């Protein structure tokens, strides 16, 4: 968990500024993120089907991380718009599905996922901030004024994870003819059709689409917004780590909260936190306030993302556990950010590279997600055994 998230923490928080350093404007950068998100319309389902039908999940991590390292190696030498687009899209296609597939791996081997998973996921948050220190030291010591160093870190963590995956517990394809204990399974495609016909799962997909669209705008456009308001580059990484530190602190308390209030309540809190976070960026220019609002981003991860992941796992049949998680990537990290970045580029260009309208749009998306979950809260609560939310 720590190593897999360190791959993303080494690259994603600094990617927008890296692309701007290579001569791209926000309109071009948004197109790169749009195309990269478009790869997630296919790849998550592909990798989820491979894990559910053909290849042990633990071995799939070695394959995906090796391919991610190759994509980052290609990114290192690119300066053209097309070259950067292809390299970033290739990295996305290999890396992003691992963040939900590793949840599936954990759910498979934990005795009580709803009680145990949050503590385990805290190690992912720790991994996300591990690269921030060497990146900040690199910039602060004047070794380089740009973020090219993050690509080297990303390659290193990808290769380390590819090797570490060889020691993961064996996780056979989920669509085996018979489950442990002799319980017959219904097969992959019938289970998939049943999953996609479940209104509770479709609600989760819809909320994840809206929230991931909103969250992606926060991830990609907050760093340059901070830099334009006088925050020096060596502090970009540590500031983004503020929320991640809160995640590590909050994860152990999540099971206790869920036991009392349920996962649906947690998902609603996550939606509200993202809405508030975007409103801060719409109305404030104070660097301290903007930086402190990353605490709200940490709450989104703890309450919304983990809540949705566990809800999806509870709803999905054993035959499609991995597919249920990767479909979240398709609709969330794929369609959601694809839509959001497709709109963000023209929006920022219309307002002469002002990012405030982008954050305003993101706030509206988070509010829509809150409304959707609120309307369906009772049905979702029953799906996880909580009568009242």
Protein backbone atom coordinates (compact mmCIF):
# COMPACT_ATOMS: atom_id res chain seq x y z
CA UNK A 1 0.00 0.00 0.00
CA UNK A 2 2.77 2.44 0.92
CA UNK A 3 4.84 1.81 -2.22
CA UNK A 4 1.90 1.86 -4.62
CA UNK A 5 0.71 5.25 -3.43
CA UNK A 6 4.27 6.59 -3.38
CA UNK A 7 4.34 6.15 -7.17
CA UNK A 8 1.47 8.62 -7.53
CA UNK A 9 2.73 10.93 -4.79
CA UNK A 10 6.03 11.30 -6.62
CA UNK A 11 4.47 12.50 -9.87
CA UNK A 12 0.85 13.66 -9.74
CA UNK A 13 1.12 16.59 -7.24
CA UNK A 14 3.80 18.21 -9.41
CA UNK A 15 2.62 17.24 -12.89
CA UNK A 16 0.78 20.45 -13.80
CA UNK A 17 3.74 22.67 -12.91
CA UNK A 18 6.12 20.30 -14.74
CA UNK A 19 4.01 20.58 -17.88
CA UNK A 20 3.81 24.37 -17.54
CA UNK A 21 7.61 24.48 -17.20
CA UNK A 22 7.84 22.72 -20.55
CA UNK A 23 5.98 25.56 -22.26
CA UNK A 24 2.34 24.47 -22.14
CA UNK A 25 -0.55 26.73 -21.14
CA UNK A 26 -3.59 25.66 -19.12
CA UNK A 27 -5.60 24.99 -22.27
CA UNK A 28 -3.00 22.48 -23.52
CA UNK A 29 -2.52 20.98 -20.07
CA UNK A 30 -6.25 20.41 -19.70
CA UNK A 31 -6.27 18.56 -23.04
CA UNK A 32 -3.47 16.29 -21.83
CA UNK A 33 -5.46 15.45 -18.70
CA UNK A 34 -8.60 14.96 -20.81
CA UNK A 35 -6.85 12.43 -23.08
CA UNK A 36 -5.21 10.74 -20.09
CA UNK A 37 -8.59 10.38 -18.40
CA UNK A 38 -10.01 8.98 -21.64
CA UNK A 39 -7.61 6.02 -21.39
CA UNK A 40 -9.35 5.15 -18.14
CA UNK A 41 -12.56 4.51 -20.05
CA UNK A 42 -11.02 1.25 -21.23
CA UNK A 43 -8.00 0.30 -19.15
CA UNK A 44 -9.62 -0.11 -15.71
CA UNK A 45 -12.26 -2.48 -17.07
CA UNK A 46 -9.58 -4.36 -19.00
CA UNK A 47 -7.34 -4.77 -15.95
CA UNK A 48 -10.30 -5.61 -13.71
CA UNK A 49 -11.44 -8.32 -16.12
CA UNK A 50 -7.90 -9.70 -16.32
CA UNK A 51 -7.75 -9.87 -12.51
CA UNK A 52 -11.21 -11.43 -12.22
CA UNK A 53 -10.76 -14.01 -14.99
CA UNK A 54 -7.17 -14.68 -16.02
CA UNK A 55 -4.20 -13.39 -14.03
CA UNK A 56 -3.63 -13.55 -10.25
CA UNK A 57 -4.10 -10.07 -8.90
CA UNK A 58 -0.77 -10.04 -7.08
CA UNK A 59 1.07 -10.70 -10.36
CA UNK A 60 -0.89 -7.99 -12.17
CA UNK A 61 0.70 -5.35 -9.90
CA UNK A 62 4.16 -6.29 -11.16
CA UNK A 63 3.03 -5.94 -14.77
CA UNK A 64 1.27 -2.59 -14.29
CA UNK A 65 4.09 -1.00 -12.31
CA UNK A 66 6.70 -2.12 -14.80
CA UNK A 67 4.67 -0.52 -17.58
CA UNK A 68 4.21 2.66 -15.50
CA UNK A 69 7.99 2.92 -15.06
CA UNK A 70 8.44 2.62 -18.84
CA UNK A 71 5.88 5.38 -19.43
CA UNK A 72 7.67 7.72 -17.00
CA UNK A 73 10.98 6.97 -18.69
CA UNK A 74 9.38 8.10 -21.96
CA UNK A 75 8.01 11.24 -20.27
CA UNK A 76 11.48 12.28 -19.13
CA UNK A 77 12.67 13.04 -22.65
CA UNK A 78 9.55 14.70 -24.04
CA UNK A 79 9.11 18.42 -24.72
CA UNK A 80 6.51 18.46 -27.50
CA UNK A 81 2.78 18.67 -26.78
CA UNK A 82 2.01 15.35 -28.51
CA UNK A 83 4.92 13.53 -26.88
CA UNK A 84 3.94 14.75 -23.42
CA UNK A 85 0.32 13.79 -24.05
CA UNK A 86 1.20 10.22 -25.06
CA UNK A 87 3.59 9.71 -22.15
CA UNK A 88 1.22 11.07 -19.48
CA UNK A 89 -1.69 9.06 -20.92
CA UNK A 90 0.39 5.86 -20.86
CA UNK A 91 1.32 6.47 -17.22
CA UNK A 92 -2.33 7.07 -16.31
CA UNK A 93 -3.46 3.90 -18.04
CA UNK A 94 -1.07 1.77 -15.98
CA UNK A 95 -1.00 3.56 -12.64
CA UNK A 96 -4.53 4.73 -11.83
CA UNK A 97 -6.23 1.30 -11.89
CA UNK A 98 -3.75 0.07 -9.26
CA UNK A 99 -5.25 2.41 -6.64
CA UNK A 100 -8.55 0.52 -6.68
CA UNK A 101 -7.11 -2.91 -7.50
CA UNK A 102 -5.02 -2.74 -4.34
CA UNK A 103 -8.26 -2.19 -2.42
CA UNK A 104 -9.62 -5.40 -3.95
CA UNK A 105 -6.47 -7.25 -2.89
CA UNK A 106 -6.92 -6.02 0.67
CA UNK A 107 -10.63 -6.85 0.81
CA UNK A 108 -9.84 -10.39 -0.37
CA UNK A 109 -7.38 -11.10 2.44
CA UNK A 110 -8.81 -9.12 5.39
CA UNK A 111 -11.07 -11.01 7.78
CA UNK A 112 -13.24 -7.93 8.45
CA UNK A 113 -12.66 -5.33 5.69
CA UNK A 114 -15.13 -2.77 7.08
CA UNK A 115 -13.28 -2.72 10.41
CA UNK A 116 -9.69 -3.27 9.21
CA UNK A 117 -9.35 -1.56 5.86
CA UNK A 118 -9.17 2.06 7.04
CA UNK A 119 -6.07 1.41 9.18
CA UNK A 120 -4.39 -0.37 6.29
CA UNK A 121 -5.29 2.42 3.85
CA UNK A 122 -3.50 4.91 6.13
CA UNK A 123 -0.24 3.41 4.85
CA UNK A 124 -1.25 4.54 1.36
CA UNK A 125 -1.58 8.11 2.58
CA UNK A 126 1.85 7.83 4.20
CA UNK A 127 3.24 6.60 0.89
CA UNK A 128 1.72 9.56 -0.97
CA UNK A 129 3.72 12.08 1.10
CA UNK A 130 6.99 10.11 1.22
CA UNK A 131 8.29 11.69 -2.05
CA UNK A 132 7.49 15.26 -0.91
CA UNK A 133 10.55 15.56 1.32
CA UNK A 134 13.20 14.64 -1.27
CA UNK A 135 11.46 16.82 -3.89
CA UNK A 136 11.38 19.82 -1.54
CA UNK A 137 15.02 19.33 -0.53
CA UNK A 138 15.99 19.03 -4.19
CA UNK A 139 14.34 22.36 -5.04
CA UNK A 140 15.36 24.18 -1.85
CA UNK A 141 19.04 23.23 -2.26
CA UNK A 142 19.05 24.69 -5.75
CA UNK A 143 19.91 21.37 -7.39
CA UNK A 144 17.28 22.19 -10.01
CA UNK A 145 14.61 24.83 -10.48
CA UNK A 146 12.16 22.46 -12.16
CA UNK A 147 10.35 19.27 -11.25
CA UNK A 148 12.11 16.84 -13.61
CA UNK A 149 13.45 15.08 -10.51
CA UNK A 150 9.95 13.77 -9.73
CA UNK A 151 10.05 11.58 -12.83
CA UNK A 152 13.17 9.84 -11.54
CA UNK A 153 11.46 9.30 -8.18
CA UNK A 154 8.36 7.94 -9.89
CA UNK A 155 10.41 5.43 -11.90
CA UNK A 156 12.19 4.30 -8.76
CA UNK A 157 9.00 3.74 -6.78
CA UNK A 158 7.34 1.98 -9.73
CA UNK A 159 10.20 -0.50 -10.04
CA UNK A 160 10.28 -1.01 -6.27
CA UNK A 161 6.54 -1.79 -6.28
CA UNK A 162 6.93 -4.16 -9.24
CA UNK A 163 9.45 -6.16 -7.18
CA UNK A 164 7.48 -5.91 -3.93
CA UNK A 165 4.39 -7.26 -5.71
CA UNK A 166 6.19 -10.58 -6.11
CA UNK A 167 5.85 -11.00 -2.32
CA UNK A 168 2.14 -10.21 -2.16
CA UNK A 169 -0.18 -13.05 -1.09
CA UNK A 170 -1.47 -15.17 -3.93
CA UNK A 171 -4.84 -13.86 -5.10
CA UNK A 172 -6.43 -16.10 -7.75
CA UNK A 173 -8.85 -14.86 -10.39
CA UNK A 174 -12.17 -14.12 -8.70
CA UNK A 175 -14.36 -15.82 -11.29
CA UNK A 176 -13.25 -19.35 -10.56
CA UNK A 177 -16.05 -21.94 -11.11
CA UNK A 178 -16.46 -22.60 -7.36
CA UNK A 179 -15.67 -20.32 -4.43
CA UNK A 180 -13.90 -21.56 -1.28
CA UNK A 181 -16.22 -23.75 0.80
CA UNK A 182 -17.91 -25.19 -2.29
CA UNK A 183 -20.23 -22.22 -2.87
CA UNK A 184 -21.08 -22.10 -6.60
CA UNK A 185 -20.51 -18.83 -8.41
CA UNK A 186 -22.74 -17.50 -11.16
CA UNK A 187 -19.96 -16.57 -13.60
CA UNK A 188 -18.28 -13.33 -14.58
CA UNK A 189 -20.66 -11.88 -17.19
CA UNK A 190 -23.93 -12.65 -15.36
CA UNK A 191 -22.40 -11.18 -12.18
CA UNK A 192 -21.36 -8.07 -14.11
CA UNK A 193 -24.87 -7.59 -15.51
CA UNK A 194 -26.31 -8.02 -12.04
CA UNK A 195 -23.86 -5.43 -10.67
CA UNK A 196 -24.69 -2.87 -13.36
CA UNK A 197 -28.39 -3.38 -12.72
CA UNK A 198 -28.05 -2.62 -9.02
CA UNK A 199 -29.45 0.86 -8.34
CA UNK A 200 -27.29 1.27 -5.23
CA UNK A 201 -24.13 0.58 -7.20
CA UNK A 202 -25.26 2.97 -9.94
CA UNK A 203 -25.73 5.65 -7.28
CA UNK A 204 -22.16 5.12 -6.09
CA UNK A 205 -20.95 5.31 -9.70
CA UNK A 206 -22.83 8.58 -10.25
CA UNK A 207 -21.50 10.18 -7.07
CA UNK A 208 -17.99 8.97 -7.85
CA UNK A 209 -18.22 10.49 -11.33
CA UNK A 210 -19.17 13.92 -9.96
CA UNK A 211 -16.73 13.89 -7.06
CA UNK A 212 -13.79 12.62 -9.11
CA UNK A 213 -14.42 15.33 -11.69
CA UNK A 214 -14.40 17.90 -8.89
CA UNK A 215 -11.42 16.36 -7.07
CA UNK A 216 -9.29 16.19 -10.23
CA UNK A 217 -9.64 19.95 -10.69
CA UNK A 218 -8.38 20.42 -7.14
CA UNK A 219 -5.40 18.11 -7.71
CA UNK A 220 -4.25 19.60 -11.01
CA UNK A 221 -5.00 23.31 -10.68
CA UNK A 222 -4.35 24.04 -7.01
CA UNK A 223 -0.50 23.90 -7.26
CA UNK A 224 -0.21 26.55 -10.01
CA UNK A 225 -2.87 28.62 -8.22
CA UNK A 226 -0.71 28.56 -5.07
CA UNK A 227 2.43 29.39 -7.02
CA UNK A 228 0.74 32.37 -8.67
CA UNK A 229 -0.11 33.67 -5.20
CA UNK A 230 3.47 33.74 -4.06
CA UNK A 231 4.03 30.25 -2.63
CA UNK A 232 7.59 29.17 -3.48
CA UNK A 233 8.12 25.85 -5.21
CA UNK A 234 9.87 24.03 -2.41
CA UNK A 235 6.71 24.39 -0.32
CA UNK A 236 4.26 23.01 -2.91
CA UNK A 237 4.88 19.40 -1.86
CA UNK A 238 4.71 19.94 1.92
CA UNK A 239 1.56 22.05 1.61
CA UNK A 240 -0.18 19.28 -0.31
CA UNK A 241 0.95 16.85 2.39
CA UNK A 242 -1.02 18.72 5.08
CA UNK A 243 -4.22 16.94 4.14
CA UNK A 244 -2.47 13.59 3.77
CA UNK A 245 -1.11 13.83 7.31
CA UNK A 246 -4.68 14.38 8.49
CA UNK A 247 -5.71 11.26 6.54
CA UNK A 248 -3.18 9.18 8.47
CA UNK A 249 -4.52 10.54 11.76
CA UNK A 250 -8.19 10.08 10.80
CA UNK A 251 -8.12 6.62 9.22
CA UNK A 252 -7.90 4.70 12.55
CA UNK A 253 -11.03 6.52 13.77
CA UNK A 254 -13.07 5.87 10.61
CA UNK A 255 -14.29 2.36 11.64
CA UNK A 256 -15.52 3.74 14.97
CA UNK A 257 -17.42 6.52 13.20
CA UNK A 258 -18.89 4.12 10.65
CA UNK A 259 -20.03 1.74 13.36
CA UNK A 260 -22.13 4.53 14.82
CA UNK A 261 -23.21 6.47 11.73
CA UNK A 262 -22.64 4.23 8.71
CA UNK A 263 -20.67 4.60 5.48
CA UNK A 264 -23.36 6.67 3.77
CA UNK A 265 -22.98 9.37 6.38
CA UNK A 266 -19.21 9.28 5.80
CA UNK A 267 -19.71 9.70 2.04
CA UNK A 268 -21.92 12.76 2.63
CA UNK A 269 -19.27 14.33 4.87
CA UNK A 270 -16.69 13.81 2.11
CA UNK A 271 -18.91 15.57 -0.43
CA UNK A 272 -19.47 18.53 1.91
CA UNK A 273 -15.73 18.88 2.61
CA UNK A 274 -14.85 19.04 -1.09
CA UNK A 275 -17.55 21.66 -1.66
CA UNK A 276 -16.13 23.84 1.14
CA UNK A 277 -12.59 23.36 -0.08
CA UNK A 278 -13.41 24.67 -3.56
CA UNK A 279 -15.29 27.65 -2.15
CA UNK A 280 -12.12 28.65 -0.28
CA UNK A 281 -10.25 28.80 -3.60
CA UNK A 282 -13.05 30.77 -5.21
CA UNK A 283 -13.15 33.50 -2.57
CA UNK A 284 -9.72 33.65 -0.90
CA UNK A 285 -6.28 34.91 -1.96
CA UNK A 286 -4.61 34.33 1.40
CA UNK A 287 -1.81 31.77 0.96
CA UNK A 288 -2.17 30.53 4.55
CA UNK A 289 -5.90 29.94 4.18
CA UNK A 290 -5.45 28.30 0.80
CA UNK A 291 -2.78 25.99 2.20
CA UNK A 292 -4.76 25.09 5.31
CA UNK A 293 -7.74 24.09 3.15
CA UNK A 294 -5.82 20.96 2.15
CA UNK A 295 -7.10 19.60 5.47
CA UNK A 296 -10.53 19.46 3.83
CA UNK A 297 -9.01 17.51 0.93
CA UNK A 298 -7.73 14.93 3.39
CA UNK A 299 -11.24 14.54 4.79
CA UNK A 300 -12.52 13.83 1.27
CA UNK A 301 -10.15 10.87 0.91
CA UNK A 302 -10.94 9.44 4.35
CA UNK A 303 -14.71 9.77 4.20
CA UNK A 304 -15.75 9.78 0.54
CA UNK A 305 -13.23 7.67 -1.35
CA UNK A 306 -12.88 4.95 1.26
CA UNK A 307 -16.62 4.98 1.92
CA UNK A 308 -17.43 4.47 -1.76
CA UNK A 309 -14.82 1.74 -2.16
CA UNK A 310 -16.16 -0.29 0.74
CA UNK A 311 -19.77 0.28 -0.32
CA UNK A 312 -18.91 -1.03 -3.81
CA UNK A 313 -17.17 -4.06 -2.34
CA UNK A 314 -20.18 -4.84 -0.14
CA UNK A 315 -22.59 -4.67 -3.08
CA UNK A 316 -20.51 -6.62 -5.66
CA UNK A 317 -20.61 -10.39 -5.94
CA UNK A 318 -17.41 -12.37 -5.39
CA UNK A 319 -17.07 -12.94 -9.13
CA UNK A 320 -16.68 -9.22 -9.88
CA UNK A 321 -14.99 -7.70 -6.83
CA UNK A 322 -12.08 -6.34 -8.90
CA UNK A 323 -14.36 -5.20 -11.71
CA UNK A 324 -16.57 -3.29 -9.24
CA UNK A 325 -13.53 -1.33 -8.07
CA UNK A 326 -12.12 -0.67 -11.54
CA UNK A 327 -15.51 0.53 -12.78
CA UNK A 328 -15.17 3.26 -10.17
CA UNK A 329 -11.94 4.25 -11.94
CA UNK A 330 -13.69 4.19 -15.33
CA UNK A 331 -16.53 6.48 -14.25
CA UNK A 332 -14.52 8.41 -11.67
CA UNK A 333 -10.91 8.84 -12.75
CA UNK A 334 -11.94 8.31 -16.38
CA UNK A 335 -15.20 9.98 -17.36
CA UNK A 336 -15.29 12.42 -14.45
CA UNK A 337 -11.90 14.12 -14.94
CA UNK A 338 -12.31 13.81 -18.72
CA UNK A 339 -15.46 15.92 -18.53
CA UNK A 340 -13.98 18.31 -15.97
CA UNK A 341 -10.72 18.96 -17.79
CA UNK A 342 -12.53 19.27 -21.10
CA UNK A 343 -14.48 22.16 -19.58
CA UNK A 344 -11.64 23.63 -17.48
CA UNK A 345 -9.40 24.50 -20.44
CA UNK A 346 -11.91 26.66 -22.37
CA UNK A 347 -13.20 28.12 -19.09
CA UNK A 348 -9.78 29.30 -17.90
CA UNK A 349 -8.95 30.58 -21.39
CA UNK A 350 -12.21 32.55 -21.55
CA UNK A 351 -11.33 34.22 -18.25
CA UNK A 352 -7.72 34.91 -19.34
CA UNK A 353 -6.10 32.03 -17.40
CA UNK A 354 -8.01 32.84 -14.20
CA UNK A 355 -8.60 29.57 -12.34
CA UNK A 356 -11.34 30.82 -10.01
CA UNK A 357 -14.17 29.89 -12.45
CA UNK A 358 -12.65 26.39 -12.64
CA UNK A 359 -12.89 26.01 -8.86
CA UNK A 360 -16.45 27.38 -8.94
CA UNK A 361 -17.42 24.68 -11.44
CA UNK A 362 -15.76 22.09 -9.20
CA UNK A 363 -17.83 23.31 -6.24
CA UNK A 364 -21.04 22.82 -8.22
CA UNK A 365 -20.02 19.24 -9.07
CA UNK A 366 -19.38 18.43 -5.40
CA UNK A 367 -22.76 19.91 -4.45
CA UNK A 368 -24.47 17.71 -7.07
CA UNK A 369 -22.77 14.61 -5.65
CA UNK A 370 -23.97 15.52 -2.15
CA UNK A 371 -27.51 15.89 -3.44
CA UNK A 372 -27.45 12.52 -5.23
CA UNK A 373 -26.22 10.60 -2.19
CA UNK A 374 -28.63 12.46 0.10
CA UNK A 375 -31.63 11.47 -2.03
CA UNK A 376 -30.52 7.80 -2.05
CA UNK A 377 -29.16 7.68 1.51
CA UNK A 378 -31.78 5.30 2.96
CA UNK A 379 -31.43 2.69 0.20
CA UNK A 380 -27.63 2.83 0.41
CA UNK A 381 -27.80 2.49 4.20
CA UNK A 382 -29.92 -0.67 3.92
CA UNK A 383 -27.39 -2.15 1.49
CA UNK A 384 -24.74 -2.03 4.22
CA UNK A 385 -26.95 -3.01 7.14
CA UNK A 386 -27.52 0.48 8.58
CA UNK A 387 -31.24 1.15 8.89
CA UNK A 388 -30.94 4.91 9.47
CA UNK A 389 -28.36 7.41 8.23
